[in-house]
Amino acid sequence: MTTTIEVKSDIYKLIDSVNDIDILYAIKILLQKQQSNSVESDFWDEIPDYVKERINLSIKQADSGKLHAHQEVMQRIRKKYQSNGN
């Protein structure tokens, strides 16, 4: 059985390897929500404006049909990283 200490250690290692500010910010919000005993607020109010702008742009693109199937995107990503030896 995995202990809490082991899980925390794994999380620390994963976070330390991430350089994407959006992912780090999302993790921060998630952890802050877990610690917060206050009245829940809407996550939308807590994210930076530039992230909101990206989300809104994505929604507009989806509404106008500018979509890529999940399977297509995953194939492209797998191909990209397999060719790099990762």
Protein backbone atom coordinates (compact mmCIF):
# COMPACT_ATOMS: atom_id res chain seq x y z
CA MET A 1 0.00 0.00 0.00
CA THR A 2 1.29 3.44 -0.89
CA THR A 3 1.78 5.86 1.98
CA THR A 4 0.86 9.53 2.08
CA ILE A 5 4.55 10.42 2.22
CA GLU A 6 5.25 8.44 -0.96
CA VAL A 7 2.39 10.08 -2.81
CA LYS A 8 3.51 13.55 -1.70
CA SER A 9 7.04 12.79 -2.80
CA ASP A 10 5.79 11.71 -6.23
CA ILE A 11 3.71 14.89 -6.52
CA TYR A 12 6.68 17.08 -5.56
CA LYS A 13 8.80 15.42 -8.25
CA LEU A 14 6.11 15.87 -10.88
CA ILE A 15 5.53 19.52 -10.01
CA ASP A 16 9.26 20.18 -10.03
CA SER A 17 9.47 18.86 -13.60
CA VAL A 18 6.65 21.08 -14.92
CA ASN A 19 7.55 24.40 -16.53
CA ASP A 20 4.14 25.29 -17.97
CA ILE A 21 2.77 28.19 -15.91
CA ASP A 22 -0.84 27.31 -16.77
CA ILE A 23 -0.47 23.79 -15.42
CA LEU A 24 1.29 25.03 -12.30
CA TYR A 25 -1.41 27.63 -11.72
CA ALA A 26 -4.13 24.98 -12.11
CA ILE A 27 -2.37 22.77 -9.57
CA LYS A 28 -2.05 25.71 -7.19
CA ILE A 29 -5.78 26.46 -7.42
CA LEU A 30 -6.65 22.81 -6.86
CA LEU A 31 -4.46 22.59 -3.76
CA GLN A 32 -5.71 25.91 -2.40
CA LYS A 33 -9.29 24.72 -2.76
CA GLN A 34 -8.44 21.59 -0.82
CA GLN A 35 -6.95 23.62 2.03
CA SER A 36 -9.62 26.27 2.07
CA ASN A 37 -12.39 25.80 4.59
CA SER A 38 -14.07 29.00 3.51
CA VAL A 39 -17.14 29.33 1.34
CA GLU A 40 -16.45 27.91 -2.08
CA SER A 41 -15.96 30.46 -4.79
CA ASP A 42 -16.25 30.00 -8.51
CA PHE A 43 -12.92 28.89 -9.99
CA TRP A 44 -13.51 31.33 -12.85
CA ASP A 45 -12.99 34.22 -10.44
CA GLU A 46 -9.63 32.80 -9.38
CA ILE A 47 -7.94 32.24 -12.72
CA PRO A 48 -5.88 34.95 -14.44
CA ASP A 49 -7.43 37.06 -17.17
CA TYR A 50 -5.10 35.68 -19.85
CA VAL A 51 -6.33 32.14 -19.06
CA LYS A 52 -9.95 33.33 -19.27
CA GLU A 53 -9.18 34.89 -22.66
CA ARG A 54 -7.72 31.60 -23.92
CA ILE A 55 -10.74 29.67 -22.69
CA ASN A 56 -13.15 32.12 -24.31
CA LEU A 57 -11.19 31.95 -27.58
CA SER A 58 -11.33 28.16 -27.46
CA ILE A 59 -15.08 28.25 -26.94
CA LYS A 60 -15.51 30.59 -29.94
CA GLN A 61 -13.33 28.32 -32.08
CA ALA A 62 -15.33 25.26 -31.03
CA ASP A 63 -18.61 27.06 -31.73
CA SER A 64 -17.39 27.93 -35.23
CA GLY A 65 -16.41 24.31 -35.94
CA LYS A 66 -12.65 24.74 -35.60
CA LEU A 67 -12.18 21.47 -33.74
CA HIS A 68 -9.80 18.54 -33.87
CA ALA A 69 -10.85 15.07 -32.78
CA HIS A 70 -9.20 13.90 -29.57
CA GLN A 71 -7.91 10.79 -31.31
CA GLU A 72 -6.29 12.90 -34.05
CA VAL A 73 -4.56 15.16 -31.54
CA MET A 74 -3.31 12.24 -29.47
CA GLN A 75 -1.91 10.51 -32.57
CA ARG A 76 -0.05 13.68 -33.51
CA ILE A 77 1.37 14.06 -29.99
CA ARG A 78 2.41 10.41 -29.78
CA LYS A 79 4.10 10.64 -33.17
CA LYS A 80 5.93 13.82 -32.16
CA TYR A 81 7.28 12.42 -28.91
CA GLN A 82 8.04 8.95 -30.21
CA SER A 83 10.18 10.46 -32.95
CA ASN A 84 12.15 12.39 -30.31
CA GLY A 85 13.01 9.23 -28.41
CA ASN A 86 10.72 10.08 -25.46
